[in-house]
């Protein structure tokens, strides 16, 4: 049975063409059909509203700008959400660190000894002149981060191997670990750039991002309700949208 939307057919050729855009969906064919049905409904609504549909994308965009207008959430709404969901605004301990990695010799004891000796020499050099850490990382580190001066960025507890994590979180910010740190990857010289304690994120620190999030959620909800209403009022044959929503 052919699929029609208020008498307009969604052809198999159209479905096949849309499938490539829905390849990552759990059911690409269903996703393709639904997308085509919703597109047709929006296009019909745009025409009925007197919009120029020679450019379908622009017409649908203009329609949604007009139909989905809603007031942005205010600070009071953000604060109420923050107070009602405190568990969503907690963060754990995190650190920002750099390292210089010297790999193990894969079972070769002599290679391991040489790697350790080289690492200890670089450790002594960097402890004597910490400002050279990035240069020495670029020169000696076998980790890809070496190209960025050893910078590993920010990470939380549980994201690094235990020996590395223990060394980082037991070293003061701005300091270099006093000894080499051995892990399954090799010998590390670690510079702890910053430490952030865990705890509740303040409302002042999160309110801007929270406002963006709540506005995005409100927009999605408005879109869902608008499309559901179009589907409910339409005559769709050959496919059941209600079973898929």
C-alpha atoms as a PDB file:
ATOM      1  CA  UNK A   1       0.000   0.000   0.000  1.00  0.00           C
ATOM      2  CA  UNK A   2       1.339   3.428  -0.931  1.00  0.00           C
ATOM      3  CA  UNK A   3       2.150   5.909   1.833  1.00  0.00           C
ATOM      4  CA  UNK A   4       0.232   9.165   1.479  1.00  0.00           C
ATOM      5  CA  UNK A   5       0.130  12.334   3.576  1.00  0.00           C
ATOM      6  CA  UNK A   6      -3.116  14.226   3.043  1.00  0.00           C
ATOM      7  CA  UNK A   7      -3.212  12.681  -0.422  1.00  0.00           C
ATOM      8  CA  UNK A   8       0.461  13.362  -1.305  1.00  0.00           C
ATOM      9  CA  UNK A   9       2.432  10.177  -1.942  1.00  0.00           C
ATOM     10  CA  UNK A  10       5.728   9.319  -0.271  1.00  0.00           C
ATOM     11  CA  UNK A  11       7.326   7.189  -2.980  1.00  0.00           C
ATOM     12  CA  UNK A  12       9.720   4.287  -2.504  1.00  0.00           C
ATOM     13  CA  UNK A  13      12.348   6.272  -4.422  1.00  0.00           C
ATOM     14  CA  UNK A  14      12.057   9.058  -1.841  1.00  0.00           C
ATOM     15  CA  UNK A  15      12.447   6.545   0.994  1.00  0.00           C
ATOM     16  CA  UNK A  16      15.537   5.025  -0.618  1.00  0.00           C
ATOM     17  CA  UNK A  17      17.098   8.460  -1.110  1.00  0.00           C
ATOM     18  CA  UNK A  18      16.461   9.399   2.544  1.00  0.00           C
ATOM     19  CA  UNK A  19      17.874   6.131   3.938  1.00  0.00           C
ATOM     20  CA  UNK A  20      21.460   7.385   3.653  1.00  0.00           C
ATOM     21  CA  UNK A  21      20.645  10.240   6.066  1.00  0.00           C
ATOM     22  CA  UNK A  22      19.228   7.816   8.641  1.00  0.00           C
ATOM     23  CA  UNK A  23      21.929   5.145   8.549  1.00  0.00           C
ATOM     24  CA  UNK A  24      22.696   5.499  12.279  1.00  0.00           C
ATOM     25  CA  UNK A  25      19.061   5.144  13.406  1.00  0.00           C
ATOM     26  CA  UNK A  26      17.983   1.880  15.102  1.00  0.00           C
ATOM     27  CA  UNK A  27      15.530   1.318  12.231  1.00  0.00           C
ATOM     28  CA  UNK A  28      16.786   3.377   9.253  1.00  0.00           C
ATOM     29  CA  UNK A  29      13.708   2.653   7.077  1.00  0.00           C
ATOM     30  CA  UNK A  30      11.244   3.738   9.764  1.00  0.00           C
ATOM     31  CA  UNK A  31      13.342   6.843  10.473  1.00  0.00           C
ATOM     32  CA  UNK A  32      13.443   7.704   6.761  1.00  0.00           C
ATOM     33  CA  UNK A  33       9.673   7.322   6.344  1.00  0.00           C
ATOM     34  CA  UNK A  34       8.926   9.368   9.455  1.00  0.00           C
ATOM     35  CA  UNK A  35      11.293  12.136   8.360  1.00  0.00           C
ATOM     36  CA  UNK A  36       9.622  12.307   4.931  1.00  0.00           C
ATOM     37  CA  UNK A  37       6.136  12.367   6.444  1.00  0.00           C
ATOM     38  CA  UNK A  38       7.041  15.168   8.876  1.00  0.00           C
ATOM     39  CA  UNK A  39       8.764  17.118   6.110  1.00  0.00           C
ATOM     40  CA  UNK A  40       5.655  16.862   3.936  1.00  0.00           C
ATOM     41  CA  UNK A  41       3.374  17.919   6.795  1.00  0.00           C
ATOM     42  CA  UNK A  42       5.533  20.958   7.522  1.00  0.00           C
ATOM     43  CA  UNK A  43       5.673  21.863   3.844  1.00  0.00           C
ATOM     44  CA  UNK A  44       1.895  21.634   3.535  1.00  0.00           C
ATOM     45  CA  UNK A  45       1.505  23.796   6.656  1.00  0.00           C
ATOM     46  CA  UNK A  46       3.937  26.376   5.233  1.00  0.00           C
ATOM     47  CA  UNK A  47       1.926  26.536   1.989  1.00  0.00           C
ATOM     48  CA  UNK A  48      -1.318  26.911   3.942  1.00  0.00           C
ATOM     49  CA  UNK A  49       0.281  29.764   5.890  1.00  0.00           C
ATOM     50  CA  UNK A  50       1.031  31.621   2.663  1.00  0.00           C
ATOM     51  CA  UNK A  51       4.798  31.138   2.763  1.00  0.00           C
ATOM     52  CA  UNK A  52       6.845  30.899  -0.427  1.00  0.00           C
ATOM     53  CA  UNK A  53       7.847  27.218  -0.644  1.00  0.00           C
ATOM     54  CA  UNK A  54      10.139  27.449  -3.677  1.00  0.00           C
ATOM     55  CA  UNK A  55      12.924  26.853  -1.168  1.00  0.00           C
ATOM     56  CA  UNK A  56      11.468  24.149   1.068  1.00  0.00           C
ATOM     57  CA  UNK A  57      14.097  24.393   3.788  1.00  0.00           C
ATOM     58  CA  UNK A  58      13.728  28.152   4.164  1.00  0.00           C
ATOM     59  CA  UNK A  59       9.941  27.896   4.131  1.00  0.00           C
ATOM     60  CA  UNK A  60       9.892  25.281   6.891  1.00  0.00           C
ATOM     61  CA  UNK A  61      12.418  27.301   8.906  1.00  0.00           C
ATOM     62  CA  UNK A  62      10.241  30.419   8.613  1.00  0.00           C
ATOM     63  CA  UNK A  63       7.178  28.413   9.629  1.00  0.00           C
ATOM     64  CA  UNK A  64       8.857  27.013  12.747  1.00  0.00           C
ATOM     65  CA  UNK A  65      10.238  30.426  13.712  1.00  0.00           C
ATOM     66  CA  UNK A  66       6.699  31.728  13.608  1.00  0.00           C
ATOM     67  CA  UNK A  67       4.854  28.788  15.152  1.00  0.00           C
ATOM     68  CA  UNK A  68       7.326  27.766  17.873  1.00  0.00           C
ATOM     69  CA  UNK A  69       7.969  31.165  19.421  1.00  0.00           C
ATOM     70  CA  UNK A  70       8.218  30.870  23.216  1.00  0.00           C
ATOM     71  CA  UNK A  71       9.608  33.015  26.008  1.00  0.00           C
ATOM     72  CA  UNK A  72      13.145  32.127  27.133  1.00  0.00           C
ATOM     73  CA  UNK A  73      13.400  30.790  30.687  1.00  0.00           C
ATOM     74  CA  UNK A  74      14.304  33.414  33.271  1.00  0.00           C
ATOM     75  CA  UNK A  75      16.805  33.237  36.106  1.00  0.00           C
ATOM     76  CA  UNK A  76      14.113  32.332  38.638  1.00  0.00           C
ATOM     77  CA  UNK A  77      13.167  29.255  36.579  1.00  0.00           C
ATOM     78  CA  UNK A  78      16.823  28.254  36.358  1.00  0.00           C
ATOM     79  CA  UNK A  79      17.264  28.676  40.122  1.00  0.00           C
ATOM     80  CA  UNK A  80      14.168  26.589  40.830  1.00  0.00           C
ATOM     81  CA  UNK A  81      15.486  23.771  38.619  1.00  0.00           C
ATOM     82  CA  UNK A  82      18.907  24.031  40.294  1.00  0.00           C
ATOM     83  CA  UNK A  83      17.363  23.729  43.769  1.00  0.00           C
ATOM     84  CA  UNK A  84      15.063  20.859  42.774  1.00  0.00           C
ATOM     85  CA  UNK A  85      17.854  18.783  41.185  1.00  0.00           C
ATOM     86  CA  UNK A  86      20.979  19.337  43.323  1.00  0.00           C
ATOM     87  CA  UNK A  87      22.366  15.904  42.395  1.00  0.00           C
ATOM     88  CA  UNK A  88      22.819  17.062  38.804  1.00  0.00           C
ATOM     89  CA  UNK A  89      25.207  19.839  39.834  1.00  0.00           C
ATOM     90  CA  UNK A  90      27.897  17.923  41.705  1.00  0.00           C
ATOM     91  CA  UNK A  91      31.369  17.299  40.378  1.00  0.00           C
ATOM     92  CA  UNK A  92      34.171  15.047  41.524  1.00  0.00           C
ATOM     93  CA  UNK A  93      37.821  15.849  42.019  1.00  0.00           C
ATOM     94  CA  UNK A  94      39.713  16.649  38.842  1.00  0.00           C
ATOM     95  CA  UNK A  95      43.206  17.606  37.819  1.00  0.00           C
ATOM     96  CA  UNK A  96      45.058  19.192  34.931  1.00  0.00           C
ATOM     97  CA  UNK A  97      48.450  17.645  34.311  1.00  0.00           C
ATOM     98  CA  UNK A  98      51.252  17.090  31.813  1.00  0.00           C
ATOM     99  CA  UNK A  99      53.656  14.166  31.552  1.00  0.00           C
ATOM    100  CA  UNK A 100      56.739  12.837  29.805  1.00  0.00           C
ATOM    101  CA  UNK A 101      56.505   9.128  28.982  1.00  0.00           C
ATOM    102  CA  UNK A 102      59.362   6.675  28.572  1.00  0.00           C
ATOM    103  CA  UNK A 103      58.067   3.251  27.424  1.00  0.00           C
ATOM    104  CA  UNK A 104      58.983  -0.099  28.982  1.00  0.00           C
ATOM    105  CA  UNK A 105      61.124  -2.530  26.999  1.00  0.00           C
ATOM    106  CA  UNK A 106      58.394  -5.188  26.575  1.00  0.00           C
ATOM    107  CA  UNK A 107      60.102  -7.843  28.670  1.00  0.00           C
ATOM    108  CA  UNK A 108      63.643  -6.772  27.868  1.00  0.00           C
ATOM    109  CA  UNK A 109      65.217  -6.078  31.265  1.00  0.00           C
ATOM    110  CA  UNK A 110      68.200  -4.228  29.796  1.00  0.00           C
ATOM    111  CA  UNK A 111      65.889  -1.999  27.733  1.00  0.00           C
ATOM    112  CA  UNK A 112      63.851  -1.289  30.872  1.00  0.00           C
ATOM    113  CA  UNK A 113      66.986  -0.307  32.794  1.00  0.00           C
ATOM    114  CA  UNK A 114      68.101   2.006  30.013  1.00  0.00           C
ATOM    115  CA  UNK A 115      64.648   3.594  29.770  1.00  0.00           C
ATOM    116  CA  UNK A 116      64.554   4.153  33.512  1.00  0.00           C
ATOM    117  CA  UNK A 117      68.061   5.632  33.531  1.00  0.00           C
ATOM    118  CA  UNK A 118      67.133   8.012  30.725  1.00  0.00           C
ATOM    119  CA  UNK A 119      63.903   8.976  32.506  1.00  0.00           C
ATOM    120  CA  UNK A 120      65.740   9.673  35.761  1.00  0.00           C
ATOM    121  CA  UNK A 121      68.197  11.900  33.909  1.00  0.00           C
ATOM    122  CA  UNK A 122      65.342  13.917  32.361  1.00  0.00           C
ATOM    123  CA  UNK A 123      63.579  14.033  35.752  1.00  0.00           C
ATOM    124  CA  UNK A 124      66.664  15.583  37.329  1.00  0.00           C
ATOM    125  CA  UNK A 125      66.869  18.084  34.484  1.00  0.00           C
ATOM    126  CA  UNK A 126      63.229  19.129  34.697  1.00  0.00           C
ATOM    127  CA  UNK A 127      63.318  19.392  38.503  1.00  0.00           C
ATOM    128  CA  UNK A 128      66.302  21.714  38.190  1.00  0.00           C
ATOM    129  CA  UNK A 129      64.554  23.790  35.535  1.00  0.00           C
ATOM    130  CA  UNK A 130      60.750  23.254  35.593  1.00  0.00           C
ATOM    131  CA  UNK A 131      60.191  25.846  32.861  1.00  0.00           C
ATOM    132  CA  UNK A 132      61.729  23.390  30.377  1.00  0.00           C
ATOM    133  CA  UNK A 133      59.075  20.727  31.019  1.00  0.00           C
ATOM    134  CA  UNK A 134      57.167  21.305  27.775  1.00  0.00           C
ATOM    135  CA  UNK A 135      60.345  21.402  25.683  1.00  0.00           C
ATOM    136  CA  UNK A 136      61.624  18.179  27.255  1.00  0.00           C
ATOM    137  CA  UNK A 137      58.233  16.523  26.716  1.00  0.00           C
ATOM    138  CA  UNK A 138      58.355  17.415  23.031  1.00  0.00           C
ATOM    139  CA  UNK A 139      61.894  16.069  22.837  1.00  0.00           C
ATOM    140  CA  UNK A 140      61.584  12.831  24.818  1.00  0.00           C
ATOM    141  CA  UNK A 141      57.975  11.745  25.394  1.00  0.00           C
ATOM    142  CA  UNK A 142      56.635   8.840  23.322  1.00  0.00           C
ATOM    143  CA  UNK A 143      53.040   9.747  24.201  1.00  0.00           C
ATOM    144  CA  UNK A 144      51.117  11.661  21.475  1.00  0.00           C
ATOM    145  CA  UNK A 145      50.650  14.408  24.068  1.00  0.00           C
ATOM    146  CA  UNK A 146      54.361  15.126  23.747  1.00  0.00           C
ATOM    147  CA  UNK A 147      53.620  17.229  20.675  1.00  0.00           C
ATOM    148  CA  UNK A 148      51.588  19.526  22.968  1.00  0.00           C
ATOM    149  CA  UNK A 149      54.352  19.712  25.553  1.00  0.00           C
ATOM    150  CA  UNK A 150      52.951  16.706  27.416  1.00  0.00           C
ATOM    151  CA  UNK A 151      49.609  18.389  28.150  1.00  0.00           C
ATOM    152  CA  UNK A 152      46.933  15.815  29.068  1.00  0.00           C
ATOM    153  CA  UNK A 153      44.224  18.387  29.744  1.00  0.00           C
ATOM    154  CA  UNK A 154      41.709  17.963  32.550  1.00  0.00           C
ATOM    155  CA  UNK A 155      40.615  14.566  33.873  1.00  0.00           C
ATOM    156  CA  UNK A 156      38.760  13.224  36.876  1.00  0.00           C
ATOM    157  CA  UNK A 157      39.369  10.374  39.262  1.00  0.00           C
ATOM    158  CA  UNK A 158      38.930   7.001  37.603  1.00  0.00           C
ATOM    159  CA  UNK A 159      40.026   8.200  34.161  1.00  0.00           C
ATOM    160  CA  UNK A 160      43.706   7.315  34.517  1.00  0.00           C
ATOM    161  CA  UNK A 161      45.452   4.105  35.603  1.00  0.00           C
ATOM    162  CA  UNK A 162      45.664   3.850  39.441  1.00  0.00           C
ATOM    163  CA  UNK A 163      49.408   4.514  39.803  1.00  0.00           C
ATOM    164  CA  UNK A 164      49.199   7.638  37.654  1.00  0.00           C
ATOM    165  CA  UNK A 165      46.079   8.890  39.429  1.00  0.00           C
ATOM    166  CA  UNK A 166      47.543   8.350  42.902  1.00  0.00           C
ATOM    167  CA  UNK A 167      50.664  10.286  41.990  1.00  0.00           C
ATOM    168  CA  UNK A 168      48.709  13.201  40.529  1.00  0.00           C
ATOM    169  CA  UNK A 169      46.246  13.627  43.395  1.00  0.00           C
ATOM    170  CA  UNK A 170      48.966  13.335  46.035  1.00  0.00           C
ATOM    171  CA  UNK A 171      51.095  16.078  44.447  1.00  0.00           C
ATOM    172  CA  UNK A 172      50.487  19.779  45.016  1.00  0.00           C
ATOM    173  CA  UNK A 173      49.360  21.944  42.112  1.00  0.00           C
ATOM    174  CA  UNK A 174      52.290  23.517  40.314  1.00  0.00           C
ATOM    175  CA  UNK A 175      54.686  20.758  41.378  1.00  0.00           C
ATOM    176  CA  UNK A 176      56.456  17.913  39.573  1.00  0.00           C
ATOM    177  CA  UNK A 177      56.299  14.431  41.077  1.00  0.00           C
ATOM    178  CA  UNK A 178      59.530  13.879  43.048  1.00  0.00           C
ATOM    179  CA  UNK A 179      60.047  10.377  41.618  1.00  0.00           C
ATOM    180  CA  UNK A 180      59.306   8.525  38.400  1.00  0.00           C
ATOM    181  CA  UNK A 181      55.840   6.983  38.277  1.00  0.00           C
ATOM    182  CA  UNK A 182      55.744   3.498  36.757  1.00  0.00           C
ATOM    183  CA  UNK A 183      52.577   2.210  35.072  1.00  0.00           C
ATOM    184  CA  UNK A 184      51.811  -0.434  32.470  1.00  0.00           C
ATOM    185  CA  UNK A 185      52.712   2.181  29.845  1.00  0.00           C
ATOM    186  CA  UNK A 186      56.176   2.957  31.147  1.00  0.00           C
ATOM    187  CA  UNK A 187      57.895   5.569  33.283  1.00  0.00           C
ATOM    188  CA  UNK A 188      56.187   8.950  33.719  1.00  0.00           C
ATOM    189  CA  UNK A 189      57.454  12.326  34.823  1.00  0.00           C
ATOM    190  CA  UNK A 190      54.318  14.221  35.862  1.00  0.00           C
ATOM    191  CA  UNK A 191      53.708  17.918  36.303  1.00  0.00           C
ATOM    192  CA  UNK A 192      50.478  18.744  38.136  1.00  0.00           C
ATOM    193  CA  UNK A 193      49.225  22.020  36.708  1.00  0.00           C
ATOM    194  CA  UNK A 194      46.006  22.388  38.706  1.00  0.00           C
ATOM    195  CA  UNK A 195      43.774  20.501  41.134  1.00  0.00           C
ATOM    196  CA  UNK A 196      40.035  21.058  41.451  1.00  0.00           C
ATOM    197  CA  UNK A 197      38.220  19.812  44.534  1.00  0.00           C
ATOM    198  CA  UNK A 198      34.881  18.090  44.106  1.00  0.00           C
ATOM    199  CA  UNK A 199      31.575  19.295  45.470  1.00  0.00           C
ATOM    200  CA  UNK A 200      28.494  21.252  44.554  1.00  0.00           C
ATOM    201  CA  UNK A 201      28.772  23.568  41.557  1.00  0.00           C
ATOM    202  CA  UNK A 202      27.499  27.015  42.522  1.00  0.00           C
ATOM    203  CA  UNK A 203      24.439  28.433  40.792  1.00  0.00           C
ATOM    204  CA  UNK A 204      26.449  31.455  39.627  1.00  0.00           C
ATOM    205  CA  UNK A 205      28.925  29.178  37.861  1.00  0.00           C
ATOM    206  CA  UNK A 206      26.255  27.102  36.129  1.00  0.00           C
ATOM    207  CA  UNK A 207      23.321  29.443  35.535  1.00  0.00           C
ATOM    208  CA  UNK A 208      24.303  30.486  31.994  1.00  0.00           C
ATOM    209  CA  UNK A 209      24.766  26.893  30.773  1.00  0.00           C
ATOM    210  CA  UNK A 210      21.669  25.809  32.695  1.00  0.00           C
ATOM    211  CA  UNK A 211      19.620  28.511  30.958  1.00  0.00           C
ATOM    212  CA  UNK A 212      20.856  27.313  27.568  1.00  0.00           C
ATOM    213  CA  UNK A 213      19.986  23.725  28.475  1.00  0.00           C
ATOM    214  CA  UNK A 214      16.476  24.562  29.715  1.00  0.00           C
ATOM    215  CA  UNK A 215      15.781  26.697  26.646  1.00  0.00           C
ATOM    216  CA  UNK A 216      16.930  23.841  24.419  1.00  0.00           C
ATOM    217  CA  UNK A 217      14.675  21.394  26.286  1.00  0.00           C
ATOM    218  CA  UNK A 218      11.746  23.802  26.018  1.00  0.00           C
ATOM    219  CA  UNK A 219      12.365  24.145  22.279  1.00  0.00           C
ATOM    220  CA  UNK A 220      12.453  20.370  21.823  1.00  0.00           C
ATOM    221  CA  UNK A 221       9.255  19.950  23.797  1.00  0.00           C
ATOM    222  CA  UNK A 222       7.513  22.655  21.776  1.00  0.00           C
ATOM    223  CA  UNK A 223       8.674  20.996  18.546  1.00  0.00           C
ATOM    224  CA  UNK A 224       7.455  17.579  19.712  1.00  0.00           C
ATOM    225  CA  UNK A 225       4.030  18.940  20.640  1.00  0.00           C
ATOM    226  CA  UNK A 226       3.737  20.872  17.368  1.00  0.00           C
ATOM    227  CA  UNK A 227       4.655  17.879  15.200  1.00  0.00           C
ATOM    228  CA  UNK A 228       2.396  15.564  17.202  1.00  0.00           C
ATOM    229  CA  UNK A 229      -0.510  17.938  16.555  1.00  0.00           C
ATOM    230  CA  UNK A 230       0.235  18.000  12.811  1.00  0.00           C
ATOM    231  CA  UNK A 231       0.323  14.192  12.728  1.00  0.00           C
ATOM    232  CA  UNK A 232      -2.895  13.945  14.736  1.00  0.00           C
ATOM    233  CA  UNK A 233      -4.751  16.299  12.377  1.00  0.00           C
ATOM    234  CA  UNK A 234      -3.382  14.742   9.161  1.00  0.00           C
ATOM    235  CA  UNK A 235      -4.683  11.871   7.091  1.00  0.00           C
ATOM    236  CA  UNK A 236      -1.740   9.491   6.804  1.00  0.00           C
ATOM    237  CA  UNK A 237      -2.287   6.221   4.960  1.00  0.00           C
ATOM    238  CA  UNK A 238       0.038   3.259   4.484  1.00  0.00           C
ATOM    239  CA  UNK A 239       2.089   3.923   7.629  1.00  0.00           C
ATOM    240  CA  UNK A 240       1.267   4.286  11.329  1.00  0.00           C
ATOM    241  CA  UNK A 241       3.083   7.201  12.951  1.00  0.00           C
ATOM    242  CA  UNK A 242       1.435   6.630  16.337  1.00  0.00           C
ATOM    243  CA  UNK A 243       3.109   3.238  16.681  1.00  0.00           C
ATOM    244  CA  UNK A 244       6.530   4.821  16.149  1.00  0.00           C
ATOM    245  CA  UNK A 245       6.303   7.902  18.398  1.00  0.00           C
END
